[in-house]
Amino acid sequence: MTLLIFAAIIYTVLALVGSQFLLALSAPAFALLVYILPLVLNFLVTKKQQTDRLKLVASIVSPTLSLLYYVGFIYLSLSSGAWPKFVEANNIANSSISLEITTTPLDASQLIFVALVFFGVSLATCFISKASFSKNKGAQHA
């Protein structure tokens, strides 16, 4: 459970610092900070739990913290006025590629997508870990 508190502190610091330096981030760096890093942190927190019960609790609490981090990060970015500038700077459209960043990142569809990704990966990690552990539990090696 200490890891969950540590994760909450990390998310708070990342939301505050990340929203202040949003304009210095590229679109891939933003995706890494907002989508990939929480998945990695959720995975680590869940895997480090000792019992199946704690793993299940961590696989629910960690994505909740990640979702709160996403909402906080975006809210701070929107309220500071940095989000529209970030979107303008990182939208790309030419003959070979098009990259559009949403102007409404707190829209319900965005929140549902983020929640599904965070909770889906976290719960899948928990159940796969549990299944592989129980499969190998009775195995004896020479």
C-alpha atoms as a PDB file:
ATOM      1  CA  MET A   1       0.000   0.000   0.000  1.00  0.00           C
ATOM      2  CA  THR A   2       2.975   2.265   0.493  1.00  0.00           C
ATOM      3  CA  LEU A   3       3.570   2.022  -3.252  1.00  0.00           C
ATOM      4  CA  LEU A   4       0.095   3.421  -3.902  1.00  0.00           C
ATOM      5  CA  ILE A   5       0.834   6.452  -1.743  1.00  0.00           C
ATOM      6  CA  PHE A   6       4.156   6.852  -3.523  1.00  0.00           C
ATOM      7  CA  ALA A   7       2.354   6.612  -6.896  1.00  0.00           C
ATOM      8  CA  ALA A   8      -0.130   9.285  -5.785  1.00  0.00           C
ATOM      9  CA  ILE A   9       2.740  11.607  -4.892  1.00  0.00           C
ATOM     10  CA  ILE A  10       4.438  10.936  -8.247  1.00  0.00           C
ATOM     11  CA  TYR A  11       1.202  11.675 -10.106  1.00  0.00           C
ATOM     12  CA  THR A  12       0.659  14.907  -8.182  1.00  0.00           C
ATOM     13  CA  VAL A  13       4.166  16.135  -8.961  1.00  0.00           C
ATOM     14  CA  LEU A  14       3.884  15.089 -12.625  1.00  0.00           C
ATOM     15  CA  ALA A  15       0.537  16.855 -13.025  1.00  0.00           C
ATOM     16  CA  LEU A  16       1.838  20.083 -11.531  1.00  0.00           C
ATOM     17  CA  VAL A  17       5.186  20.087 -13.339  1.00  0.00           C
ATOM     18  CA  GLY A  18       3.909  18.619 -16.607  1.00  0.00           C
ATOM     19  CA  SER A  19       1.138  21.157 -16.991  1.00  0.00           C
ATOM     20  CA  GLN A  20       3.624  23.987 -16.468  1.00  0.00           C
ATOM     21  CA  PHE A  21       5.997  22.634 -19.134  1.00  0.00           C
ATOM     22  CA  LEU A  22       3.330  21.446 -21.575  1.00  0.00           C
ATOM     23  CA  LEU A  23       4.402  23.845 -24.311  1.00  0.00           C
ATOM     24  CA  ALA A  24       7.936  22.430 -24.203  1.00  0.00           C
ATOM     25  CA  LEU A  25       6.650  18.898 -24.881  1.00  0.00           C
ATOM     26  CA  SER A  26       6.292  17.318 -28.282  1.00  0.00           C
ATOM     27  CA  ALA A  27       3.232  15.199 -29.046  1.00  0.00           C
ATOM     28  CA  PRO A  28       5.159  11.910 -28.494  1.00  0.00           C
ATOM     29  CA  ALA A  29       6.565  13.207 -25.198  1.00  0.00           C
ATOM     30  CA  PHE A  30       3.042  14.183 -24.137  1.00  0.00           C
ATOM     31  CA  ALA A  31       1.753  10.687 -25.018  1.00  0.00           C
ATOM     32  CA  LEU A  32       4.611   9.157 -23.060  1.00  0.00           C
ATOM     33  CA  LEU A  33       3.890  11.343 -20.027  1.00  0.00           C
ATOM     34  CA  VAL A  34       0.101  10.990 -20.025  1.00  0.00           C
ATOM     35  CA  TYR A  35      -0.541   7.476 -21.387  1.00  0.00           C
ATOM     36  CA  ILE A  36       2.567   5.280 -21.227  1.00  0.00           C
ATOM     37  CA  LEU A  37       4.114   6.341 -17.907  1.00  0.00           C
ATOM     38  CA  PRO A  38       0.888   5.677 -15.941  1.00  0.00           C
ATOM     39  CA  LEU A  39       0.614   2.227 -17.527  1.00  0.00           C
ATOM     40  CA  VAL A  40       4.172   1.390 -16.505  1.00  0.00           C
ATOM     41  CA  LEU A  41       3.654   2.740 -13.003  1.00  0.00           C
ATOM     42  CA  ASN A  42       0.380   0.796 -12.646  1.00  0.00           C
ATOM     43  CA  PHE A  43       2.122  -2.376 -13.806  1.00  0.00           C
ATOM     44  CA  LEU A  44       4.961  -1.951 -11.328  1.00  0.00           C
ATOM     45  CA  VAL A  45       2.684  -1.141  -8.388  1.00  0.00           C
ATOM     46  CA  THR A  46       0.461  -4.153  -9.137  1.00  0.00           C
ATOM     47  CA  LYS A  47       3.341  -6.589  -9.668  1.00  0.00           C
ATOM     48  CA  LYS A  48       5.092  -5.561  -6.440  1.00  0.00           C
ATOM     49  CA  GLN A  49       2.108  -6.444  -4.246  1.00  0.00           C
ATOM     50  CA  GLN A  50       2.637  -9.580  -2.161  1.00  0.00           C
ATOM     51  CA  THR A  51      -0.798 -11.226  -2.119  1.00  0.00           C
ATOM     52  CA  ASP A  52      -3.503 -11.753  -4.712  1.00  0.00           C
ATOM     53  CA  ARG A  53      -5.884  -9.588  -2.693  1.00  0.00           C
ATOM     54  CA  LEU A  54      -3.417  -6.690  -2.612  1.00  0.00           C
ATOM     55  CA  LYS A  55      -2.743  -7.133  -6.329  1.00  0.00           C
ATOM     56  CA  LEU A  56      -6.456  -6.856  -7.039  1.00  0.00           C
ATOM     57  CA  VAL A  57      -6.771  -3.773  -4.838  1.00  0.00           C
ATOM     58  CA  ALA A  58      -3.723  -2.212  -6.510  1.00  0.00           C
ATOM     59  CA  SER A  59      -5.073  -3.033  -9.973  1.00  0.00           C
ATOM     60  CA  ILE A  60      -8.182  -0.990  -9.145  1.00  0.00           C
ATOM     61  CA  VAL A  61      -6.650   1.854  -7.126  1.00  0.00           C
ATOM     62  CA  SER A  62      -3.658   2.442  -9.448  1.00  0.00           C
ATOM     63  CA  PRO A  63      -5.722   3.133 -12.580  1.00  0.00           C
ATOM     64  CA  THR A  64      -8.025   5.325 -10.495  1.00  0.00           C
ATOM     65  CA  LEU A  65      -4.991   7.384  -9.495  1.00  0.00           C
ATOM     66  CA  SER A  66      -3.870   7.432 -13.135  1.00  0.00           C
ATOM     67  CA  LEU A  67      -7.269   8.687 -14.251  1.00  0.00           C
ATOM     68  CA  LEU A  68      -7.215  11.390 -11.583  1.00  0.00           C
ATOM     69  CA  TYR A  69      -3.713  12.308 -12.775  1.00  0.00           C
ATOM     70  CA  TYR A  70      -4.969  12.613 -16.360  1.00  0.00           C
ATOM     71  CA  VAL A  71      -7.920  14.791 -15.309  1.00  0.00           C
ATOM     72  CA  GLY A  72      -5.715  16.958 -13.082  1.00  0.00           C
ATOM     73  CA  PHE A  73      -3.016  17.358 -15.721  1.00  0.00           C
ATOM     74  CA  ILE A  74      -5.517  18.328 -18.409  1.00  0.00           C
ATOM     75  CA  TYR A  75      -7.525  20.592 -16.077  1.00  0.00           C
ATOM     76  CA  LEU A  76      -4.381  22.490 -15.083  1.00  0.00           C
ATOM     77  CA  SER A  77      -3.319  22.734 -18.734  1.00  0.00           C
ATOM     78  CA  LEU A  78      -6.724  24.026 -19.798  1.00  0.00           C
ATOM     79  CA  SER A  79      -7.044  26.516 -16.952  1.00  0.00           C
ATOM     80  CA  SER A  80      -3.577  27.938 -17.596  1.00  0.00           C
ATOM     81  CA  GLY A  81      -4.383  28.427 -21.285  1.00  0.00           C
ATOM     82  CA  ALA A  82      -1.501  26.195 -22.378  1.00  0.00           C
ATOM     83  CA  TRP A  83      -3.669  23.474 -23.935  1.00  0.00           C
ATOM     84  CA  PRO A  84      -4.917  25.453 -26.970  1.00  0.00           C
ATOM     85  CA  LYS A  85      -1.347  26.584 -27.671  1.00  0.00           C
ATOM     86  CA  PHE A  86      -0.099  22.998 -27.368  1.00  0.00           C
ATOM     87  CA  VAL A  87      -2.775  21.797 -29.797  1.00  0.00           C
ATOM     88  CA  GLU A  88      -1.925  24.549 -32.266  1.00  0.00           C
ATOM     89  CA  ALA A  89       1.804  23.814 -32.066  1.00  0.00           C
ATOM     90  CA  ASN A  90       1.444  20.044 -32.455  1.00  0.00           C
ATOM     91  CA  ASN A  91      -1.321  19.606 -35.043  1.00  0.00           C
ATOM     92  CA  ILE A  92       0.343  18.462 -38.254  1.00  0.00           C
ATOM     93  CA  ALA A  93      -1.243  18.092 -41.645  1.00  0.00           C
ATOM     94  CA  ASN A  94       0.579  17.600 -44.920  1.00  0.00           C
ATOM     95  CA  SER A  95       0.297  15.290 -47.913  1.00  0.00           C
ATOM     96  CA  SER A  96       1.796  12.254 -46.162  1.00  0.00           C
ATOM     97  CA  ILE A  97       0.667  12.519 -42.541  1.00  0.00           C
ATOM     98  CA  SER A  98      -2.016  14.084 -40.399  1.00  0.00           C
ATOM     99  CA  LEU A  99      -1.910  14.392 -36.610  1.00  0.00           C
ATOM    100  CA  GLU A 100      -4.777  16.077 -34.828  1.00  0.00           C
ATOM    101  CA  ILE A 101      -4.888  16.577 -31.074  1.00  0.00           C
ATOM    102  CA  THR A 102      -8.291  17.032 -29.524  1.00  0.00           C
ATOM    103  CA  THR A 103      -9.284  20.465 -28.350  1.00  0.00           C
ATOM    104  CA  THR A 104     -11.589  18.913 -25.721  1.00  0.00           C
ATOM    105  CA  PRO A 105      -9.453  16.433 -23.756  1.00  0.00           C
ATOM    106  CA  LEU A 106     -11.960  16.276 -20.890  1.00  0.00           C
ATOM    107  CA  ASP A 107     -14.754  15.183 -23.215  1.00  0.00           C
ATOM    108  CA  ALA A 108     -16.620  12.048 -22.086  1.00  0.00           C
ATOM    109  CA  SER A 109     -15.273   9.981 -24.987  1.00  0.00           C
ATOM    110  CA  GLN A 110     -11.684  10.857 -24.054  1.00  0.00           C
ATOM    111  CA  LEU A 111     -12.259  10.030 -20.393  1.00  0.00           C
ATOM    112  CA  ILE A 112     -13.879   6.696 -21.291  1.00  0.00           C
ATOM    113  CA  PHE A 113     -10.967   5.823 -23.592  1.00  0.00           C
ATOM    114  CA  VAL A 114      -8.377   6.691 -20.951  1.00  0.00           C
ATOM    115  CA  ALA A 115     -10.282   4.804 -18.243  1.00  0.00           C
ATOM    116  CA  LEU A 116     -10.623   1.712 -20.438  1.00  0.00           C
ATOM    117  CA  VAL A 117      -6.918   1.730 -21.251  1.00  0.00           C
ATOM    118  CA  PHE A 118      -5.768   2.247 -17.652  1.00  0.00           C
ATOM    119  CA  PHE A 119      -8.236  -0.168 -16.030  1.00  0.00           C
ATOM    120  CA  GLY A 120      -8.070  -2.742 -18.832  1.00  0.00           C
ATOM    121  CA  VAL A 121      -4.292  -3.067 -18.795  1.00  0.00           C
ATOM    122  CA  SER A 122      -4.117  -3.026 -15.012  1.00  0.00           C
ATOM    123  CA  LEU A 123      -6.790  -5.679 -14.484  1.00  0.00           C
ATOM    124  CA  ALA A 124      -5.379  -7.825 -17.298  1.00  0.00           C
ATOM    125  CA  THR A 125      -1.957  -7.656 -15.641  1.00  0.00           C
ATOM    126  CA  CYS A 126      -3.472  -8.714 -12.329  1.00  0.00           C
ATOM    127  CA  PHE A 127      -5.402 -11.669 -13.752  1.00  0.00           C
ATOM    128  CA  ILE A 128      -2.594 -12.866 -16.031  1.00  0.00           C
ATOM    129  CA  SER A 129      -0.163 -12.661 -13.138  1.00  0.00           C
ATOM    130  CA  LYS A 130      -2.547 -14.619 -10.924  1.00  0.00           C
ATOM    131  CA  ALA A 131      -3.159 -17.272 -13.596  1.00  0.00           C
ATOM    132  CA  SER A 132       0.526 -17.780 -14.365  1.00  0.00           C
ATOM    133  CA  PHE A 133       1.371 -17.934 -10.645  1.00  0.00           C
ATOM    134  CA  SER A 134      -1.344 -20.508  -9.893  1.00  0.00           C
ATOM    135  CA  LYS A 135      -0.325 -22.589 -12.924  1.00  0.00           C
ATOM    136  CA  ASN A 136       3.276 -22.783 -11.691  1.00  0.00           C
ATOM    137  CA  LYS A 137       2.361 -23.133  -8.021  1.00  0.00           C
ATOM    138  CA  GLY A 138       2.100 -26.915  -8.032  1.00  0.00           C
ATOM    139  CA  ALA A 139       4.969 -27.543 -10.448  1.00  0.00           C
ATOM    140  CA  GLN A 140       8.030 -29.318  -9.174  1.00  0.00           C
ATOM    141  CA  HIS A 141      11.365 -28.932 -10.859  1.00  0.00           C
ATOM    142  CA  ALA A 142      14.156 -31.481 -10.723  1.00  0.00           C
END
